[in-house]
C-alpha cells in the first residue's frame, strides 16, 4: 500500500496575487505589507503582477477580498491587518468578525484567501509580530498564499483529469 502526499510548492513564478491591507494601525500594517512583498519577490512573483488594495480597517477586508477574488484576475488574495485591544469591546467584534469574514471568503471563492490579520493585546505584541521578535506575519501570510495557490492548481488539474475520463474508459481499466 502506498500513501500519496500532495502539497504546494513554494515557487511564485507566474502567480498574480492581490493583497488587501487595512489602513487602520498603518504603522503595523505597512510592515506586514513590506514583509508580504518581500516574500512574494523572493519566491519569484513578478512585482508587476502584485496588486495592493488599501481598505479603511480590518472590518472591510473580507467583503473586498471576495469581490477581488470573484474578478478572476488574481490567483490568491492575502489579507493583512492589525487589530489591537483597546479599552472597549470593539476589539472583540472587529477581530472575531474579520476572522470569520476571511474564512467565509476563503470558502466562497475559487482562489486561496489567506488570513494575515494580527490580533494583539498590546502595541508591543503587534510590533513583535510585524517584523521584530516573532517574525513578520505578512511574510508568513504571503508564503502560505504561494503554497496554497500551487496546491489549488494541482487539485484543479486533478479535477480536470477526472472530468476528461469517460465512463467507458474507466470500465476498460479494470
N, C-alpha and C. Protein backbone atom coordinates (compact mmCIF):
# COMPACT_ATOMS: atom_id res chain seq x y z
N UNK A 1 0.85 -1.18 0.00
CA UNK A 1 0.00 0.00 0.00
C UNK A 1 0.89 1.24 0.00
N UNK A 2 0.47 2.26 -0.75
CA UNK A 2 1.26 3.49 -0.86
C UNK A 2 0.41 4.69 -0.48
N UNK A 3 0.99 5.59 0.25
CA UNK A 3 0.31 6.83 0.62
C UNK A 3 0.77 7.93 -0.32
N UNK A 4 -0.17 8.65 -0.88
CA UNK A 4 0.15 9.76 -1.78
C UNK A 4 0.11 11.05 -0.99
N UNK A 5 1.15 11.83 -1.07
CA UNK A 5 1.24 13.11 -0.35
C UNK A 5 1.22 14.24 -1.37
N UNK A 6 0.36 15.20 -1.13
CA UNK A 6 0.23 16.35 -2.04
C UNK A 6 0.43 17.62 -1.24
N UNK A 7 1.29 18.48 -1.71
CA UNK A 7 1.48 19.78 -1.06
C UNK A 7 1.92 20.79 -2.11
N UNK A 8 1.66 22.06 -1.81
CA UNK A 8 2.03 23.11 -2.74
C UNK A 8 3.52 23.39 -2.72
N UNK A 9 4.01 23.84 -3.84
CA UNK A 9 5.42 24.24 -3.95
C UNK A 9 5.55 25.71 -3.55
N UNK A 10 6.75 26.10 -3.18
CA UNK A 10 7.00 27.49 -2.77
C UNK A 10 7.66 28.28 -3.90
N UNK A 11 7.09 28.14 -5.09
CA UNK A 11 7.57 28.85 -6.27
C UNK A 11 6.45 29.76 -6.74
N UNK A 12 6.66 31.07 -6.66
CA UNK A 12 5.62 32.02 -7.02
C UNK A 12 5.65 32.46 -8.47
N UNK A 13 6.48 31.83 -9.28
CA UNK A 13 6.58 32.21 -10.69
C UNK A 13 5.21 32.13 -11.35
N UNK A 14 4.80 33.23 -11.97
CA UNK A 14 3.54 33.27 -12.69
C UNK A 14 2.31 33.57 -11.85
N UNK A 15 2.46 33.64 -10.54
CA UNK A 15 1.32 33.92 -9.66
C UNK A 15 0.98 35.41 -9.70
N UNK A 16 -0.32 35.70 -9.73
CA UNK A 16 -0.81 37.08 -9.70
C UNK A 16 -1.58 37.28 -8.40
N UNK A 17 -0.91 37.77 -7.36
CA UNK A 17 -1.58 37.94 -6.07
C UNK A 17 -2.21 39.32 -5.89
N UNK A 18 -3.27 39.34 -5.11
CA UNK A 18 -3.85 40.59 -4.63
C UNK A 18 -3.58 40.63 -3.13
N UNK A 19 -3.25 41.81 -2.63
CA UNK A 19 -3.03 41.99 -1.20
C UNK A 19 -4.00 43.06 -0.73
N UNK A 20 -4.84 42.70 0.24
CA UNK A 20 -5.79 43.65 0.81
C UNK A 20 -5.24 44.04 2.18
N UNK A 21 -5.03 45.35 2.37
CA UNK A 21 -4.37 45.84 3.58
C UNK A 21 -5.21 46.92 4.25
N UNK A 22 -5.34 46.80 5.56
CA UNK A 22 -6.06 47.78 6.36
C UNK A 22 -5.18 49.00 6.62
N UNK A 23 -5.76 50.21 6.42
CA UNK A 23 -5.04 51.44 6.76
C UNK A 23 -5.03 51.68 8.27
N UNK A 24 -6.04 51.16 8.97
CA UNK A 24 -6.08 51.35 10.42
C UNK A 24 -4.88 50.64 11.03
N UNK A 25 -4.20 51.30 11.94
CA UNK A 25 -2.94 50.81 12.52
C UNK A 25 -1.87 50.66 11.44
N UNK A 26 -1.81 51.63 10.54
CA UNK A 26 -0.90 51.54 9.40
C UNK A 26 0.57 51.46 9.80
N UNK A 27 0.90 51.91 11.00
CA UNK A 27 2.29 51.78 11.45
C UNK A 27 2.67 50.31 11.59
N UNK A 28 1.69 49.44 11.74
CA UNK A 28 1.90 47.99 11.77
C UNK A 28 1.64 47.39 10.39
N UNK A 29 0.53 47.76 9.77
CA UNK A 29 0.15 47.10 8.52
C UNK A 29 1.12 47.40 7.38
N UNK A 30 1.78 48.54 7.41
CA UNK A 30 2.79 48.81 6.38
C UNK A 30 3.97 47.84 6.51
N UNK A 31 4.30 47.48 7.74
CA UNK A 31 5.37 46.49 7.94
C UNK A 31 4.92 45.10 7.50
N UNK A 32 3.67 44.77 7.74
CA UNK A 32 3.13 43.50 7.26
C UNK A 32 3.18 43.45 5.73
N UNK A 33 2.77 44.55 5.10
CA UNK A 33 2.81 44.63 3.65
C UNK A 33 4.24 44.49 3.13
N UNK A 34 5.18 45.19 3.76
CA UNK A 34 6.59 45.06 3.36
C UNK A 34 7.05 43.61 3.43
N UNK A 35 6.67 42.92 4.50
CA UNK A 35 7.03 41.51 4.66
C UNK A 35 6.42 40.64 3.57
N UNK A 36 5.14 40.89 3.26
CA UNK A 36 4.46 40.11 2.22
C UNK A 36 5.12 40.34 0.86
N UNK A 37 5.40 41.60 0.54
CA UNK A 37 6.03 41.91 -0.75
C UNK A 37 7.42 41.29 -0.84
N UNK A 38 8.15 41.33 0.25
CA UNK A 38 9.48 40.72 0.29
C UNK A 38 9.38 39.22 -0.01
N UNK A 39 8.46 38.56 0.64
CA UNK A 39 8.27 37.11 0.44
C UNK A 39 7.89 36.81 -1.01
N UNK A 40 6.93 37.54 -1.54
CA UNK A 40 6.48 37.30 -2.90
C UNK A 40 7.63 37.45 -3.89
N UNK A 41 8.39 38.53 -3.75
CA UNK A 41 9.51 38.78 -4.65
C UNK A 41 10.59 37.70 -4.51
N UNK A 42 10.90 37.32 -3.28
CA UNK A 42 11.93 36.28 -3.06
C UNK A 42 11.55 34.94 -3.66
N UNK A 43 10.25 34.71 -3.82
CA UNK A 43 9.78 33.42 -4.32
C UNK A 43 9.34 33.49 -5.78
N UNK A 44 9.82 34.50 -6.50
CA UNK A 44 9.66 34.53 -7.94
C UNK A 44 8.44 35.23 -8.50
N UNK A 45 7.65 35.90 -7.66
CA UNK A 45 6.49 36.62 -8.17
C UNK A 45 6.97 37.91 -8.83
N UNK A 46 6.51 38.15 -10.04
CA UNK A 46 6.85 39.37 -10.76
C UNK A 46 6.16 40.55 -10.07
N UNK A 47 6.91 41.58 -9.70
CA UNK A 47 6.32 42.71 -8.96
C UNK A 47 5.23 43.41 -9.77
N UNK A 48 5.29 43.33 -11.10
CA UNK A 48 4.23 43.92 -11.93
C UNK A 48 2.91 43.17 -11.79
N UNK A 49 2.95 41.95 -11.25
CA UNK A 49 1.74 41.14 -11.10
C UNK A 49 1.11 41.25 -9.72
N UNK A 50 1.71 42.06 -8.83
CA UNK A 50 1.19 42.23 -7.47
C UNK A 50 0.31 43.47 -7.42
N UNK A 51 -0.90 43.31 -6.92
CA UNK A 51 -1.82 44.44 -6.75
C UNK A 51 -2.15 44.59 -5.28
N UNK A 52 -2.04 45.82 -4.78
CA UNK A 52 -2.33 46.10 -3.37
C UNK A 52 -3.58 46.96 -3.30
N UNK A 53 -4.51 46.55 -2.46
CA UNK A 53 -5.77 47.26 -2.26
C UNK A 53 -5.83 47.70 -0.80
N UNK A 54 -5.88 49.00 -0.57
CA UNK A 54 -5.98 49.54 0.78
C UNK A 54 -7.45 49.72 1.15
N UNK A 55 -7.81 49.28 2.34
CA UNK A 55 -9.17 49.45 2.86
C UNK A 55 -9.08 50.20 4.19
N UNK A 56 -10.18 50.80 4.65
CA UNK A 56 -10.11 51.58 5.89
C UNK A 56 -9.68 50.77 7.12
N UNK A 57 -10.25 49.57 7.31
CA UNK A 57 -9.93 48.81 8.52
C UNK A 57 -10.11 47.31 8.29
N UNK A 58 -9.88 46.54 9.34
CA UNK A 58 -9.97 45.07 9.24
C UNK A 58 -11.40 44.62 8.91
N UNK A 59 -12.38 45.38 9.35
CA UNK A 59 -13.78 45.04 9.09
C UNK A 59 -14.06 44.99 7.59
N UNK A 60 -13.41 45.86 6.83
CA UNK A 60 -13.66 45.96 5.39
C UNK A 60 -12.87 44.95 4.55
N UNK A 61 -11.94 44.26 5.16
CA UNK A 61 -11.10 43.31 4.41
C UNK A 61 -11.91 42.18 3.78
N UNK A 62 -12.79 41.47 4.51
CA UNK A 62 -13.49 40.34 3.90
C UNK A 62 -14.35 40.68 2.67
N UNK A 63 -15.21 41.69 2.73
CA UNK A 63 -16.04 41.93 1.54
C UNK A 63 -15.22 42.34 0.31
N UNK A 64 -14.18 43.10 0.52
CA UNK A 64 -13.33 43.50 -0.61
C UNK A 64 -12.58 42.28 -1.15
N UNK A 65 -12.16 41.40 -0.26
CA UNK A 65 -11.45 40.18 -0.68
C UNK A 65 -12.32 39.30 -1.58
N UNK A 66 -13.58 39.15 -1.22
CA UNK A 66 -14.49 38.35 -2.04
C UNK A 66 -14.65 38.97 -3.43
N UNK A 67 -14.84 40.28 -3.46
CA UNK A 67 -15.03 40.94 -4.75
C UNK A 67 -13.78 40.82 -5.62
N UNK A 68 -12.62 40.97 -5.00
CA UNK A 68 -11.37 40.83 -5.75
C UNK A 68 -11.22 39.41 -6.27
N UNK A 69 -11.46 38.43 -5.43
CA UNK A 69 -11.34 37.03 -5.84
C UNK A 69 -12.31 36.71 -6.98
N UNK A 70 -13.50 37.26 -6.91
CA UNK A 70 -14.52 36.99 -7.92
C UNK A 70 -14.23 37.61 -9.28
N UNK A 71 -13.27 38.53 -9.36
CA UNK A 71 -12.93 39.11 -10.65
C UNK A 71 -12.29 38.09 -11.58
N UNK A 72 -11.66 37.06 -10.99
CA UNK A 72 -10.95 36.07 -11.79
C UNK A 72 -9.59 36.55 -12.28
N UNK A 73 -9.15 37.71 -11.84
CA UNK A 73 -7.88 38.27 -12.31
C UNK A 73 -6.70 37.93 -11.40
N UNK A 74 -6.98 37.32 -10.25
CA UNK A 74 -5.92 37.06 -9.28
C UNK A 74 -5.92 35.59 -8.89
N UNK A 75 -4.74 35.07 -8.57
CA UNK A 75 -4.57 33.67 -8.19
C UNK A 75 -4.74 33.45 -6.69
N UNK A 76 -4.62 34.52 -5.92
CA UNK A 76 -4.79 34.43 -4.47
C UNK A 76 -5.03 35.82 -3.92
N UNK A 77 -5.57 35.86 -2.71
CA UNK A 77 -5.80 37.13 -2.01
C UNK A 77 -5.19 37.01 -0.62
N UNK A 78 -4.31 37.93 -0.30
CA UNK A 78 -3.64 37.95 1.01
C UNK A 78 -4.25 39.10 1.81
N UNK A 79 -4.80 38.78 2.98
CA UNK A 79 -5.48 39.78 3.81
C UNK A 79 -4.58 40.17 4.98
N UNK A 80 -4.24 41.45 5.07
CA UNK A 80 -3.34 41.93 6.11
C UNK A 80 -4.00 43.05 6.91
N UNK A 81 -3.90 42.95 8.23
CA UNK A 81 -4.45 43.98 9.10
C UNK A 81 -3.89 43.83 10.50
N UNK A 82 -4.24 44.78 11.35
CA UNK A 82 -3.81 44.74 12.75
C UNK A 82 -4.94 45.30 13.62
N UNK A 83 -5.42 44.44 14.50
CA UNK A 83 -6.46 44.84 15.46
C UNK A 83 -5.82 44.74 16.84
N UNK A 84 -5.75 45.89 17.52
CA UNK A 84 -5.09 45.95 18.83
C UNK A 84 -6.14 46.26 19.89
N UNK A 85 -6.13 45.47 20.96
CA UNK A 85 -7.11 45.62 22.03
C UNK A 85 -7.07 47.04 22.62
N UNK A 86 -8.24 47.57 22.83
CA UNK A 86 -8.36 48.87 23.49
C UNK A 86 -9.13 48.71 24.79
N UNK A 87 -9.78 49.77 25.22
CA UNK A 87 -10.50 49.74 26.49
C UNK A 87 -11.98 49.44 26.33
N UNK A 88 -12.42 49.16 25.09
CA UNK A 88 -13.83 48.88 24.85
C UNK A 88 -13.96 47.50 24.19
N UNK A 89 -15.16 46.96 24.10
CA UNK A 89 -15.34 45.64 23.47
C UNK A 89 -15.18 45.66 21.94
N UNK A 90 -14.92 46.81 21.36
CA UNK A 90 -14.77 46.94 19.91
C UNK A 90 -13.77 45.91 19.36
N UNK A 91 -12.68 45.67 20.07
CA UNK A 91 -11.65 44.70 19.66
C UNK A 91 -12.26 43.33 19.39
N UNK A 92 -13.12 42.87 20.32
CA UNK A 92 -13.71 41.55 20.18
C UNK A 92 -14.55 41.43 18.91
N UNK A 93 -15.35 42.45 18.64
CA UNK A 93 -16.22 42.42 17.47
C UNK A 93 -15.40 42.44 16.18
N UNK A 94 -14.47 43.36 16.09
CA UNK A 94 -13.70 43.51 14.85
C UNK A 94 -12.81 42.29 14.61
N UNK A 95 -12.12 41.83 15.65
CA UNK A 95 -11.21 40.69 15.45
C UNK A 95 -11.99 39.43 15.09
N UNK A 96 -13.09 39.17 15.78
CA UNK A 96 -13.88 37.96 15.51
C UNK A 96 -14.52 38.01 14.12
N UNK A 97 -15.12 39.12 13.79
CA UNK A 97 -15.83 39.21 12.51
C UNK A 97 -14.88 39.27 11.33
N UNK A 98 -13.73 39.89 11.48
CA UNK A 98 -12.77 39.89 10.36
C UNK A 98 -12.23 38.48 10.13
N UNK A 99 -11.98 37.75 11.21
CA UNK A 99 -11.51 36.36 11.07
C UNK A 99 -12.58 35.49 10.41
N UNK A 100 -13.83 35.61 10.88
CA UNK A 100 -14.92 34.84 10.27
C UNK A 100 -15.13 35.23 8.82
N UNK A 101 -15.02 36.52 8.56
CA UNK A 101 -15.23 37.01 7.19
C UNK A 101 -14.17 36.52 6.22
N UNK A 102 -12.92 36.50 6.64
CA UNK A 102 -11.85 35.99 5.77
C UNK A 102 -12.05 34.49 5.56
N UNK A 103 -12.42 33.77 6.62
CA UNK A 103 -12.69 32.33 6.48
C UNK A 103 -13.83 32.09 5.50
N UNK A 104 -14.88 32.88 5.61
CA UNK A 104 -16.01 32.74 4.69
C UNK A 104 -15.59 33.07 3.27
N UNK A 105 -14.80 34.13 3.10
CA UNK A 105 -14.30 34.48 1.76
C UNK A 105 -13.50 33.33 1.17
N UNK A 106 -12.69 32.68 1.98
CA UNK A 106 -11.89 31.55 1.52
C UNK A 106 -12.78 30.40 1.06
N UNK A 107 -13.90 30.21 1.73
CA UNK A 107 -14.80 29.12 1.37
C UNK A 107 -15.66 29.45 0.15
N UNK A 108 -15.95 30.71 -0.07
CA UNK A 108 -16.87 31.12 -1.14
C UNK A 108 -16.19 31.33 -2.48
N UNK A 109 -14.89 31.46 -2.51
CA UNK A 109 -14.21 31.81 -3.75
C UNK A 109 -13.38 30.64 -4.26
N UNK A 110 -12.95 30.76 -5.49
CA UNK A 110 -12.19 29.69 -6.13
C UNK A 110 -10.68 29.86 -6.00
N UNK A 111 -10.24 30.88 -5.27
CA UNK A 111 -8.81 31.09 -5.07
C UNK A 111 -8.53 31.14 -3.57
N UNK A 112 -7.30 30.85 -3.17
CA UNK A 112 -6.98 30.94 -1.74
C UNK A 112 -7.12 32.38 -1.24
N UNK A 113 -7.78 32.53 -0.12
CA UNK A 113 -7.89 33.81 0.59
C UNK A 113 -7.21 33.57 1.93
N UNK A 114 -6.12 34.28 2.16
CA UNK A 114 -5.23 33.99 3.28
C UNK A 114 -5.38 35.03 4.38
N UNK A 115 -5.49 34.53 5.61
CA UNK A 115 -5.65 35.36 6.80
C UNK A 115 -4.28 35.80 7.32
N UNK A 116 -4.03 37.09 7.30
CA UNK A 116 -2.80 37.64 7.84
C UNK A 116 -3.10 38.86 8.71
N UNK A 117 -4.15 38.76 9.50
CA UNK A 117 -4.57 39.87 10.36
C UNK A 117 -4.07 39.59 11.77
N UNK A 118 -3.25 40.48 12.27
CA UNK A 118 -2.73 40.37 13.63
C UNK A 118 -3.82 40.80 14.60
N UNK A 119 -4.03 40.03 15.65
CA UNK A 119 -4.88 40.45 16.77
C UNK A 119 -3.98 40.41 17.99
N UNK A 120 -3.80 41.56 18.61
CA UNK A 120 -2.84 41.65 19.71
C UNK A 120 -3.46 42.41 20.89
N UNK A 121 -3.00 42.06 22.07
CA UNK A 121 -3.45 42.75 23.27
C UNK A 121 -2.78 44.11 23.44
N UNK A 122 -1.55 44.22 22.92
CA UNK A 122 -0.79 45.47 23.10
C UNK A 122 -0.11 45.87 21.80
N UNK A 123 0.26 47.12 21.73
CA UNK A 123 1.03 47.61 20.58
C UNK A 123 2.35 46.85 20.47
N UNK A 124 3.00 46.61 21.60
CA UNK A 124 4.28 45.87 21.58
C UNK A 124 4.12 44.49 20.96
N UNK A 125 3.04 43.79 21.30
CA UNK A 125 2.80 42.47 20.70
C UNK A 125 2.63 42.58 19.19
N UNK A 126 1.90 43.59 18.76
CA UNK A 126 1.68 43.78 17.32
C UNK A 126 3.00 44.09 16.61
N UNK A 127 3.82 44.94 17.22
CA UNK A 127 5.13 45.29 16.64
C UNK A 127 6.00 44.04 16.53
N UNK A 128 5.97 43.21 17.58
CA UNK A 128 6.76 41.97 17.57
C UNK A 128 6.36 41.05 16.42
N UNK A 129 5.08 41.03 16.08
CA UNK A 129 4.59 40.12 15.04
C UNK A 129 4.66 40.74 13.64
N UNK A 130 5.09 41.99 13.57
CA UNK A 130 5.20 42.68 12.29
C UNK A 130 6.66 42.88 11.88
N UNK A 131 7.52 42.02 12.40
CA UNK A 131 8.88 42.08 11.89
C UNK A 131 9.98 42.13 12.90
N UNK A 132 9.66 42.06 14.18
CA UNK A 132 10.75 42.07 15.16
C UNK A 132 10.90 40.69 15.78
N UNK A 133 10.56 40.52 17.02
CA UNK A 133 10.83 39.28 17.75
C UNK A 133 10.15 38.04 17.18
N UNK A 134 8.94 38.17 16.70
CA UNK A 134 8.16 37.00 16.28
C UNK A 134 8.09 36.84 14.76
N UNK A 135 9.03 37.39 14.05
CA UNK A 135 8.99 37.32 12.59
C UNK A 135 7.98 38.30 12.04
N UNK A 136 7.70 38.18 10.76
CA UNK A 136 6.75 39.07 10.12
C UNK A 136 5.58 38.24 9.62
N UNK A 137 4.40 38.46 10.19
CA UNK A 137 3.22 37.68 9.83
C UNK A 137 2.74 37.99 8.42
N UNK A 138 3.12 39.13 7.87
CA UNK A 138 2.82 39.42 6.47
C UNK A 138 3.63 38.52 5.55
N UNK A 139 4.90 38.31 5.89
CA UNK A 139 5.76 37.38 5.15
C UNK A 139 5.15 35.98 5.22
N UNK A 140 4.75 35.56 6.43
CA UNK A 140 4.16 34.23 6.62
C UNK A 140 2.89 34.06 5.79
N UNK A 141 2.04 35.08 5.76
CA UNK A 141 0.79 35.00 5.00
C UNK A 141 1.08 34.88 3.50
N UNK A 142 2.07 35.61 3.02
CA UNK A 142 2.43 35.51 1.60
C UNK A 142 2.99 34.12 1.27
N UNK A 143 3.77 33.56 2.18
CA UNK A 143 4.31 32.21 1.98
C UNK A 143 3.15 31.20 1.89
N UNK A 144 2.18 31.35 2.77
CA UNK A 144 1.01 30.48 2.74
C UNK A 144 0.26 30.64 1.42
N UNK A 145 0.14 31.88 0.95
CA UNK A 145 -0.57 32.14 -0.31
C UNK A 145 0.12 31.44 -1.48
N UNK A 146 1.44 31.50 -1.53
CA UNK A 146 2.17 30.84 -2.61
C UNK A 146 1.93 29.34 -2.58
N UNK A 147 2.06 28.76 -1.40
CA UNK A 147 1.88 27.31 -1.27
C UNK A 147 0.45 26.89 -1.61
N UNK A 148 -0.52 27.62 -1.09
CA UNK A 148 -1.92 27.26 -1.33
C UNK A 148 -2.32 27.47 -2.79
N UNK A 149 -1.78 28.48 -3.44
CA UNK A 149 -2.07 28.70 -4.85
C UNK A 149 -1.59 27.51 -5.68
N UNK A 150 -0.38 27.05 -5.39
CA UNK A 150 0.14 25.87 -6.09
C UNK A 150 -0.71 24.63 -5.81
N UNK A 151 -1.15 24.48 -4.57
CA UNK A 151 -1.97 23.32 -4.22
C UNK A 151 -3.34 23.39 -4.91
N UNK A 152 -3.94 24.57 -4.94
CA UNK A 152 -5.22 24.73 -5.65
C UNK A 152 -5.06 24.37 -7.12
N UNK A 153 -3.96 24.81 -7.73
CA UNK A 153 -3.71 24.50 -9.15
C UNK A 153 -3.58 22.99 -9.33
N UNK A 154 -2.89 22.33 -8.42
CA UNK A 154 -2.71 20.89 -8.50
C UNK A 154 -4.07 20.18 -8.40
N UNK A 155 -4.88 20.61 -7.46
CA UNK A 155 -6.20 19.99 -7.27
C UNK A 155 -7.08 20.26 -8.50
N UNK A 156 -6.99 21.45 -9.07
CA UNK A 156 -7.77 21.76 -10.28
C UNK A 156 -7.34 20.85 -11.43
N UNK A 157 -6.05 20.59 -11.54
CA UNK A 157 -5.57 19.66 -12.57
C UNK A 157 -6.11 18.26 -12.34
N UNK A 158 -6.17 17.83 -11.08
CA UNK A 158 -6.75 16.52 -10.76
C UNK A 158 -8.22 16.47 -11.17
N UNK A 159 -8.96 17.52 -10.84
CA UNK A 159 -10.38 17.57 -11.19
C UNK A 159 -10.57 17.51 -12.69
N UNK A 160 -9.71 18.26 -13.41
CA UNK A 160 -9.77 18.27 -14.86
C UNK A 160 -9.51 16.88 -15.44
N UNK A 161 -8.50 16.21 -14.93
CA UNK A 161 -8.16 14.88 -15.45
C UNK A 161 -9.28 13.88 -15.13
N UNK A 162 -9.96 14.07 -14.02
CA UNK A 162 -11.08 13.19 -13.68
C UNK A 162 -12.26 13.47 -14.61
N UNK A 163 -12.49 14.75 -14.95
CA UNK A 163 -13.58 15.12 -15.85
C UNK A 163 -13.32 14.64 -17.27
N UNK A 164 -12.07 14.56 -17.67
CA UNK A 164 -11.71 14.17 -19.03
C UNK A 164 -11.91 12.69 -19.29
N UNK A 165 -11.92 11.86 -18.26
CA UNK A 165 -12.08 10.42 -18.48
C UNK A 165 -13.56 10.08 -18.55
N UNK A 166 -13.92 9.30 -19.55
CA UNK A 166 -15.32 8.91 -19.72
C UNK A 166 -15.58 7.60 -18.99
N UNK A 167 -16.83 7.28 -18.72
CA UNK A 167 -17.15 6.02 -18.01
C UNK A 167 -16.65 4.79 -18.77
N UNK A 168 -16.71 4.79 -20.13
CA UNK A 168 -16.24 3.65 -20.90
C UNK A 168 -14.75 3.42 -20.67
N UNK A 169 -13.98 4.52 -20.66
CA UNK A 169 -12.54 4.40 -20.44
C UNK A 169 -12.25 3.83 -19.06
N UNK A 170 -13.00 4.28 -18.07
CA UNK A 170 -12.78 3.80 -16.72
C UNK A 170 -13.09 2.31 -16.61
N UNK A 171 -14.14 1.88 -17.30
CA UNK A 171 -14.51 0.47 -17.18
C UNK A 171 -13.49 -0.45 -17.85
N UNK A 172 -12.78 0.03 -18.87
CA UNK A 172 -11.76 -0.80 -19.52
C UNK A 172 -10.49 -0.89 -18.71
N UNK A 173 -10.34 -0.05 -17.73
CA UNK A 173 -9.13 -0.06 -16.92
C UNK A 173 -9.15 -1.15 -15.85
N UNK A 174 -10.29 -1.74 -15.59
CA UNK A 174 -10.41 -2.73 -14.51
C UNK A 174 -9.69 -4.00 -14.78
